[in-house]
């Protein structure tokens, strides 16, 4: 039953695909226009507020039940992890402060050594000054 028309095979589903594409284009355009209205934004906001208001007690009850279950199983809870993270952050900050203080102490103590050639030159200047009767200038 495949007839060739001008070198192409006849495909009955091709017409349905064309109708479907036209239908989808019309719906996409209509939905885009509807969603971009102020009334739609207000209704969506009202529905979201209502959902959050209604679900809040259930969320709190579920969270309480989960904390109790985890405590019964001797497992850490979310507040335990939050507390541990805060403590580790505090320790890390203190270590950074101590590292900075140690760097300042080391830089204050460790002065660059005087090279040997400079020491001998300073000694010669001092001996020459003594011979000439002058005081050593430092």
N, C-alpha and C. Protein backbone atom coordinates (compact mmCIF):
# COMPACT_ATOMS: atom_id res chain seq x y z
N UNK A 1 0.79 -1.19 0.00
CA UNK A 1 0.00 0.00 0.00
C UNK A 1 0.84 1.26 0.00
N UNK A 2 2.06 1.10 -0.24
CA UNK A 2 2.89 2.30 -0.28
C UNK A 2 2.95 2.79 -1.72
N UNK A 3 2.39 3.92 -1.93
CA UNK A 3 2.40 4.51 -3.26
C UNK A 3 3.46 5.59 -3.28
N UNK A 4 4.11 5.69 -4.37
CA UNK A 4 5.14 6.71 -4.48
C UNK A 4 4.57 7.88 -5.25
N UNK A 5 4.70 9.07 -4.64
CA UNK A 5 4.22 10.29 -5.28
C UNK A 5 5.40 11.21 -5.46
N UNK A 6 5.88 11.33 -6.64
CA UNK A 6 6.99 12.22 -6.94
C UNK A 6 8.26 11.78 -6.23
N UNK A 7 8.49 10.49 -6.05
CA UNK A 7 9.71 10.01 -5.43
C UNK A 7 9.62 9.88 -3.92
N UNK A 8 8.52 10.29 -3.28
CA UNK A 8 8.36 10.19 -1.83
C UNK A 8 7.36 9.09 -1.52
N UNK A 9 7.59 8.44 -0.38
CA UNK A 9 6.63 7.44 0.06
C UNK A 9 5.49 8.14 0.81
N UNK A 10 4.31 7.61 0.66
CA UNK A 10 3.14 8.18 1.33
C UNK A 10 3.17 7.76 2.80
N UNK A 11 3.08 8.76 3.70
CA UNK A 11 3.10 8.50 5.15
C UNK A 11 1.85 9.11 5.75
N UNK A 12 0.86 8.27 6.15
CA UNK A 12 -0.38 8.83 6.71
C UNK A 12 -0.16 9.53 8.05
N UNK A 13 0.87 9.16 8.82
CA UNK A 13 1.11 9.78 10.12
C UNK A 13 1.67 11.20 9.98
N UNK A 14 2.17 11.53 8.80
CA UNK A 14 2.75 12.86 8.59
C UNK A 14 1.69 13.95 8.75
N UNK A 15 0.48 13.71 8.30
CA UNK A 15 -0.59 14.68 8.45
C UNK A 15 -0.94 14.87 9.93
N UNK A 16 -0.94 13.77 10.69
CA UNK A 16 -1.21 13.88 12.13
C UNK A 16 -0.12 14.67 12.84
N UNK A 17 1.12 14.46 12.41
CA UNK A 17 2.23 15.22 13.01
C UNK A 17 2.08 16.71 12.73
N UNK A 18 1.67 17.05 11.53
CA UNK A 18 1.46 18.45 11.19
C UNK A 18 0.36 19.07 12.04
N UNK A 19 -0.76 18.34 12.21
CA UNK A 19 -1.86 18.83 13.03
C UNK A 19 -1.39 18.99 14.48
N UNK A 20 -0.65 17.99 14.97
CA UNK A 20 -0.15 18.05 16.34
C UNK A 20 0.76 19.27 16.55
N UNK A 21 1.67 19.52 15.62
CA UNK A 21 2.58 20.67 15.73
C UNK A 21 1.80 21.98 15.74
N UNK A 22 0.79 22.12 14.87
CA UNK A 22 -0.03 23.33 14.83
C UNK A 22 -0.79 23.50 16.14
N UNK A 23 -1.33 22.39 16.67
CA UNK A 23 -2.07 22.40 17.93
C UNK A 23 -1.13 22.84 19.07
N UNK A 24 0.08 22.28 19.12
CA UNK A 24 1.03 22.63 20.18
C UNK A 24 1.46 24.09 20.08
N UNK A 25 1.64 24.59 18.89
CA UNK A 25 2.01 26.00 18.72
C UNK A 25 0.91 26.93 19.22
N UNK A 26 -0.34 26.60 18.92
CA UNK A 26 -1.46 27.43 19.37
C UNK A 26 -1.54 27.41 20.90
N UNK A 27 -1.43 26.22 21.51
CA UNK A 27 -1.49 26.12 22.98
C UNK A 27 -0.32 26.83 23.64
N UNK A 28 0.86 26.71 23.07
CA UNK A 28 2.03 27.39 23.65
C UNK A 28 1.85 28.90 23.63
N UNK A 29 1.33 29.41 22.53
CA UNK A 29 1.10 30.85 22.43
C UNK A 29 0.04 31.30 23.44
N UNK A 30 -1.06 30.55 23.54
CA UNK A 30 -2.14 30.90 24.46
C UNK A 30 -1.66 30.83 25.91
N UNK A 31 -0.93 29.79 26.27
CA UNK A 31 -0.43 29.64 27.64
C UNK A 31 0.59 30.74 27.97
N UNK A 32 1.44 31.07 27.01
CA UNK A 32 2.41 32.14 27.23
C UNK A 32 1.74 33.47 27.51
N UNK A 33 0.69 33.77 26.78
CA UNK A 33 -0.05 35.01 27.01
C UNK A 33 -0.76 34.99 28.36
N UNK A 34 -1.32 33.84 28.74
CA UNK A 34 -2.03 33.75 30.01
C UNK A 34 -1.05 33.86 31.20
N UNK A 35 0.07 33.19 31.11
CA UNK A 35 1.03 33.17 32.22
C UNK A 35 1.68 34.54 32.43
N UNK A 36 1.78 35.32 31.40
CA UNK A 36 2.44 36.62 31.51
C UNK A 36 1.49 37.74 31.94
N UNK A 37 0.41 37.40 32.58
CA UNK A 37 -0.54 38.42 33.06
C UNK A 37 -0.37 38.63 34.56
N UNK A 38 -0.79 39.79 35.01
CA UNK A 38 -0.72 40.13 36.44
C UNK A 38 -1.68 39.27 37.25
N UNK A 39 -2.86 39.00 36.70
CA UNK A 39 -3.85 38.19 37.41
C UNK A 39 -3.31 36.79 37.69
N UNK A 40 -2.62 36.20 36.71
CA UNK A 40 -2.04 34.86 36.91
C UNK A 40 -0.97 34.89 38.00
N UNK A 41 -0.14 35.92 37.99
CA UNK A 41 0.90 36.04 39.02
C UNK A 41 0.29 36.16 40.41
N UNK A 42 -0.78 36.93 40.54
CA UNK A 42 -1.44 37.09 41.84
C UNK A 42 -2.07 35.77 42.30
N UNK A 43 -2.73 35.06 41.40
CA UNK A 43 -3.35 33.79 41.76
C UNK A 43 -2.29 32.74 42.13
N UNK A 44 -1.20 32.72 41.39
CA UNK A 44 -0.12 31.77 41.73
C UNK A 44 0.45 32.09 43.10
N UNK A 45 0.65 33.36 43.38
CA UNK A 45 1.16 33.76 44.69
C UNK A 45 0.22 33.39 45.81
N UNK A 46 -1.08 33.58 45.59
CA UNK A 46 -2.07 33.24 46.61
C UNK A 46 -2.10 31.73 46.86
N UNK A 47 -2.00 30.95 45.80
CA UNK A 47 -1.99 29.49 45.96
C UNK A 47 -0.74 29.03 46.70
N UNK A 48 0.40 29.62 46.38
CA UNK A 48 1.64 29.26 47.05
C UNK A 48 1.60 29.63 48.53
N UNK A 49 1.08 30.80 48.84
CA UNK A 49 0.93 31.20 50.25
C UNK A 49 0.02 30.25 51.01
N UNK A 50 -1.09 29.87 50.38
CA UNK A 50 -2.02 28.94 51.04
C UNK A 50 -1.35 27.59 51.27
N UNK A 51 -0.63 27.11 50.29
CA UNK A 51 0.07 25.82 50.43
C UNK A 51 1.09 25.87 51.56
N UNK A 52 1.88 26.92 51.61
CA UNK A 52 2.90 27.04 52.65
C UNK A 52 2.27 27.16 54.04
N UNK A 53 1.17 27.88 54.13
CA UNK A 53 0.47 28.03 55.41
C UNK A 53 -0.08 26.69 55.90
N UNK A 54 -0.68 25.94 55.00
CA UNK A 54 -1.27 24.65 55.37
C UNK A 54 -0.19 23.61 55.67
N UNK A 55 0.91 23.62 54.92
CA UNK A 55 1.93 22.58 55.08
C UNK A 55 2.87 22.83 56.25
N UNK A 56 2.92 24.03 56.78
CA UNK A 56 3.85 24.35 57.87
C UNK A 56 3.66 23.47 59.11
N UNK A 57 2.44 23.27 59.62
CA UNK A 57 2.29 22.40 60.80
C UNK A 57 2.73 20.96 60.52
N UNK A 58 2.44 20.46 59.31
CA UNK A 58 2.85 19.11 58.96
C UNK A 58 4.37 18.99 58.89
N UNK A 59 4.99 20.02 58.35
CA UNK A 59 6.45 20.02 58.25
C UNK A 59 7.07 20.02 59.64
N UNK A 60 6.53 20.84 60.54
CA UNK A 60 7.07 20.91 61.90
C UNK A 60 6.89 19.57 62.62
N UNK A 61 5.72 18.94 62.46
CA UNK A 61 5.48 17.64 63.10
C UNK A 61 6.40 16.57 62.53
N UNK A 62 6.60 16.57 61.23
CA UNK A 62 7.48 15.60 60.60
C UNK A 62 8.92 15.79 61.07
N UNK A 63 9.35 17.04 61.16
CA UNK A 63 10.72 17.33 61.62
C UNK A 63 10.92 16.87 63.07
N UNK A 64 9.92 17.11 63.91
CA UNK A 64 10.00 16.69 65.31
C UNK A 64 10.07 15.17 65.41
N UNK A 65 9.26 14.48 64.63
CA UNK A 65 9.27 13.02 64.63
C UNK A 65 10.61 12.48 64.14
N UNK A 66 11.17 13.12 63.13
CA UNK A 66 12.47 12.69 62.59
C UNK A 66 13.57 12.87 63.62
N UNK A 67 13.57 14.00 64.33
CA UNK A 67 14.58 14.25 65.36
C UNK A 67 14.47 13.20 66.46
N UNK A 68 13.23 12.89 66.87
CA UNK A 68 13.04 11.87 67.91
C UNK A 68 13.52 10.50 67.43
N UNK A 69 13.21 10.15 66.21
CA UNK A 69 13.64 8.86 65.67
C UNK A 69 15.17 8.78 65.60
N UNK A 70 15.81 9.84 65.14
CA UNK A 70 17.27 9.85 65.04
C UNK A 70 17.91 9.78 66.42
N UNK A 71 17.32 10.46 67.39
CA UNK A 71 17.86 10.40 68.75
C UNK A 71 17.72 9.00 69.33
N UNK A 72 16.61 8.32 69.05
CA UNK A 72 16.40 6.95 69.52
C UNK A 72 17.43 6.00 68.90
N UNK A 73 17.84 6.29 67.67
CA UNK A 73 18.83 5.45 66.98
C UNK A 73 20.26 5.91 67.24
N UNK A 74 20.43 6.90 68.12
CA UNK A 74 21.75 7.46 68.45
C UNK A 74 22.47 7.97 67.20
N UNK A 75 21.73 8.65 66.35
CA UNK A 75 22.31 9.23 65.14
C UNK A 75 22.24 10.75 65.23
N UNK A 76 23.18 11.44 64.58
CA UNK A 76 23.17 12.91 64.65
C UNK A 76 22.01 13.51 63.86
N UNK A 77 21.54 14.63 64.36
CA UNK A 77 20.45 15.35 63.71
C UNK A 77 21.00 16.59 63.01
N UNK A 78 20.13 17.29 62.32
CA UNK A 78 20.55 18.52 61.63
C UNK A 78 21.13 19.55 62.59
N UNK A 79 20.47 19.81 63.73
CA UNK A 79 21.06 20.77 64.67
C UNK A 79 22.45 20.33 65.17
N UNK A 80 22.66 19.02 65.28
CA UNK A 80 23.98 18.53 65.69
C UNK A 80 25.03 18.90 64.64
N UNK A 81 24.69 18.70 63.38
CA UNK A 81 25.64 19.04 62.31
C UNK A 81 25.89 20.54 62.24
N UNK A 82 24.84 21.33 62.42
CA UNK A 82 25.00 22.79 62.39
C UNK A 82 25.91 23.24 63.53
N UNK A 83 25.71 22.69 64.71
CA UNK A 83 26.53 23.04 65.86
C UNK A 83 27.99 22.65 65.62
N UNK A 84 28.20 21.47 65.09
CA UNK A 84 29.55 21.00 64.80
C UNK A 84 30.23 21.89 63.74
N UNK A 85 29.49 22.28 62.73
CA UNK A 85 30.06 23.15 61.69
C UNK A 85 30.45 24.50 62.27
N UNK A 86 29.63 25.06 63.17
CA UNK A 86 29.96 26.34 63.80
C UNK A 86 31.22 26.21 64.65
N UNK A 87 31.32 25.12 65.39
CA UNK A 87 32.50 24.92 66.23
C UNK A 87 33.77 24.77 65.39
N UNK A 88 33.68 24.02 64.29
CA UNK A 88 34.84 23.84 63.42
C UNK A 88 35.24 25.16 62.76
N UNK A 89 34.27 25.96 62.39
CA UNK A 89 34.57 27.27 61.82
C UNK A 89 35.29 28.15 62.83
N UNK A 90 34.83 28.11 64.09
CA UNK A 90 35.46 28.89 65.15
C UNK A 90 36.91 28.43 65.36
N UNK A 91 37.13 27.12 65.37
CA UNK A 91 38.49 26.58 65.53
C UNK A 91 39.37 27.01 64.36
N UNK A 92 38.84 26.95 63.16
CA UNK A 92 39.62 27.34 61.99
C UNK A 92 40.01 28.82 62.05
N UNK A 93 39.08 29.66 62.49
CA UNK A 93 39.39 31.09 62.61
C UNK A 93 40.47 31.33 63.67
N UNK A 94 40.38 30.62 64.79
CA UNK A 94 41.40 30.77 65.83
C UNK A 94 42.76 30.30 65.34
N UNK A 95 42.80 29.20 64.60
CA UNK A 95 44.07 28.73 64.05
C UNK A 95 44.68 29.75 63.09
N UNK A 96 43.83 30.36 62.27
CA UNK A 96 44.33 31.40 61.36
C UNK A 96 44.91 32.58 62.14
N UNK A 97 44.22 33.00 63.21
CA UNK A 97 44.73 34.09 64.04
C UNK A 97 46.07 33.72 64.68
N UNK A 98 46.16 32.49 65.18
CA UNK A 98 47.41 32.05 65.80
C UNK A 98 48.54 31.98 64.78
N UNK A 99 48.23 31.54 63.56
CA UNK A 99 49.23 31.48 62.50
C UNK A 99 49.74 32.88 62.17
N UNK A 100 48.83 33.85 62.09
CA UNK A 100 49.25 35.23 61.81
C UNK A 100 50.12 35.78 62.93
N UNK A 101 49.75 35.52 64.19
CA UNK A 101 50.55 36.00 65.32
C UNK A 101 51.92 35.35 65.31
N UNK A 102 51.98 34.05 65.03
CA UNK A 102 53.27 33.36 64.98
C UNK A 102 54.15 33.92 63.87
N UNK A 103 53.56 34.22 62.73
CA UNK A 103 54.34 34.82 61.64
C UNK A 103 54.92 36.17 62.06
N UNK A 104 54.12 36.97 62.78
CA UNK A 104 54.62 38.27 63.24
C UNK A 104 55.75 38.10 64.26
N UNK A 105 55.61 37.13 65.15
CA UNK A 105 56.66 36.88 66.15
C UNK A 105 57.93 36.43 65.47
N UNK A 106 57.82 35.51 64.53
CA UNK A 106 59.01 35.01 63.84
C UNK A 106 59.68 36.10 63.04
N UNK A 107 58.90 36.94 62.36
CA UNK A 107 59.51 38.02 61.57
C UNK A 107 60.16 39.05 62.48
N UNK A 108 59.67 39.21 63.71
CA UNK A 108 60.29 40.14 64.66
C UNK A 108 61.58 39.59 65.24
N UNK A 109 61.64 38.28 65.46
CA UNK A 109 62.82 37.66 66.05
C UNK A 109 63.90 37.43 65.01
N UNK A 110 63.53 36.88 63.91
CA UNK A 110 64.51 36.50 62.89
C UNK A 110 64.85 37.70 62.03
N UNK A 111 66.00 38.30 62.30
CA UNK A 111 66.50 39.39 61.47
C UNK A 111 67.53 38.79 60.52
N UNK A 112 67.67 39.36 59.37
CA UNK A 112 68.62 38.78 58.42
C UNK A 112 70.04 38.85 58.99
N UNK A 113 70.79 37.75 58.89
CA UNK A 113 72.17 37.75 59.42
C UNK A 113 73.07 38.68 58.62
N UNK A 114 74.05 39.24 59.32
CA UNK A 114 75.01 40.13 58.67
C UNK A 114 76.02 39.26 57.94
N UNK A 115 76.23 39.52 56.65
CA UNK A 115 77.19 38.70 55.89
C UNK A 115 78.60 38.84 56.47
N UNK A 116 79.41 37.82 56.29
CA UNK A 116 80.78 37.78 56.83
C UNK A 116 81.61 38.95 56.32
N UNK A 117 81.47 39.29 55.05
CA UNK A 117 82.27 40.39 54.49
C UNK A 117 81.91 41.71 55.17
N UNK A 118 80.64 41.91 55.53
CA UNK A 118 80.24 43.13 56.20
C UNK A 118 80.81 43.18 57.61
N UNK A 119 80.89 42.04 58.30
CA UNK A 119 81.44 42.00 59.65
C UNK A 119 82.93 42.38 59.64
N UNK A 120 83.65 41.83 58.69
CA UNK A 120 85.09 42.16 58.64
C UNK A 120 85.29 43.63 58.28
N UNK A 121 84.44 44.16 57.42
CA UNK A 121 84.56 45.57 57.06
C UNK A 121 84.24 46.44 58.27
N UNK A 122 83.24 46.07 59.05
CA UNK A 122 82.89 46.84 60.24
C UNK A 122 84.01 46.77 61.27
N UNK A 123 84.66 45.61 61.39
CA UNK A 123 85.77 45.46 62.34
C UNK A 123 86.94 46.33 61.91
N UNK A 124 87.23 46.40 60.62
CA UNK A 124 88.33 47.24 60.13
C UNK A 124 88.05 48.70 60.41
N UNK A 125 86.82 49.13 60.19
CA UNK A 125 86.46 50.52 60.46
C UNK A 125 86.65 50.82 61.94
N UNK A 126 86.25 49.89 62.79
CA UNK A 126 86.39 50.10 64.24
C UNK A 126 87.86 50.18 64.63
N UNK A 127 88.73 49.31 64.09
CA UNK A 127 90.17 49.35 64.42
C UNK A 127 90.80 50.65 63.93
N UNK A 128 90.40 51.06 62.73
CA UNK A 128 90.96 52.31 62.18
C UNK A 128 90.55 53.49 63.05
N UNK A 129 89.30 53.48 63.51
CA UNK A 129 88.81 54.58 64.35
C UNK A 129 89.57 54.60 65.67
N UNK A 130 89.90 53.43 66.23
CA UNK A 130 90.65 53.39 67.50
C UNK A 130 92.06 53.93 67.29
N UNK A 131 92.66 53.55 66.19
CA UNK A 131 94.03 54.01 65.92
C UNK A 131 94.07 55.52 65.77
N UNK A 132 93.05 56.07 65.18
CA UNK A 132 93.01 57.50 64.95
C UNK A 132 92.51 58.26 66.15
N UNK A 133 92.11 57.55 67.18
CA UNK A 133 91.68 58.19 68.42
C UNK A 133 90.24 58.64 68.41
N UNK A 134 89.49 58.19 67.49
CA UNK A 134 88.09 58.56 67.46
C UNK A 134 87.25 57.45 68.08
N UNK A 135 86.08 57.83 68.49
CA UNK A 135 85.17 56.86 69.05
C UNK A 135 84.50 56.11 67.90
N UNK A 136 84.16 54.90 68.19
CA UNK A 136 83.50 54.07 67.18
C UNK A 136 82.08 54.59 66.98
N UNK A 137 81.72 54.82 65.74
CA UNK A 137 80.37 55.33 65.42
C UNK A 137 79.51 54.17 64.96
N UNK A 138 78.40 54.07 65.59
CA UNK A 138 77.49 52.98 65.21
C UNK A 138 76.20 53.53 64.75
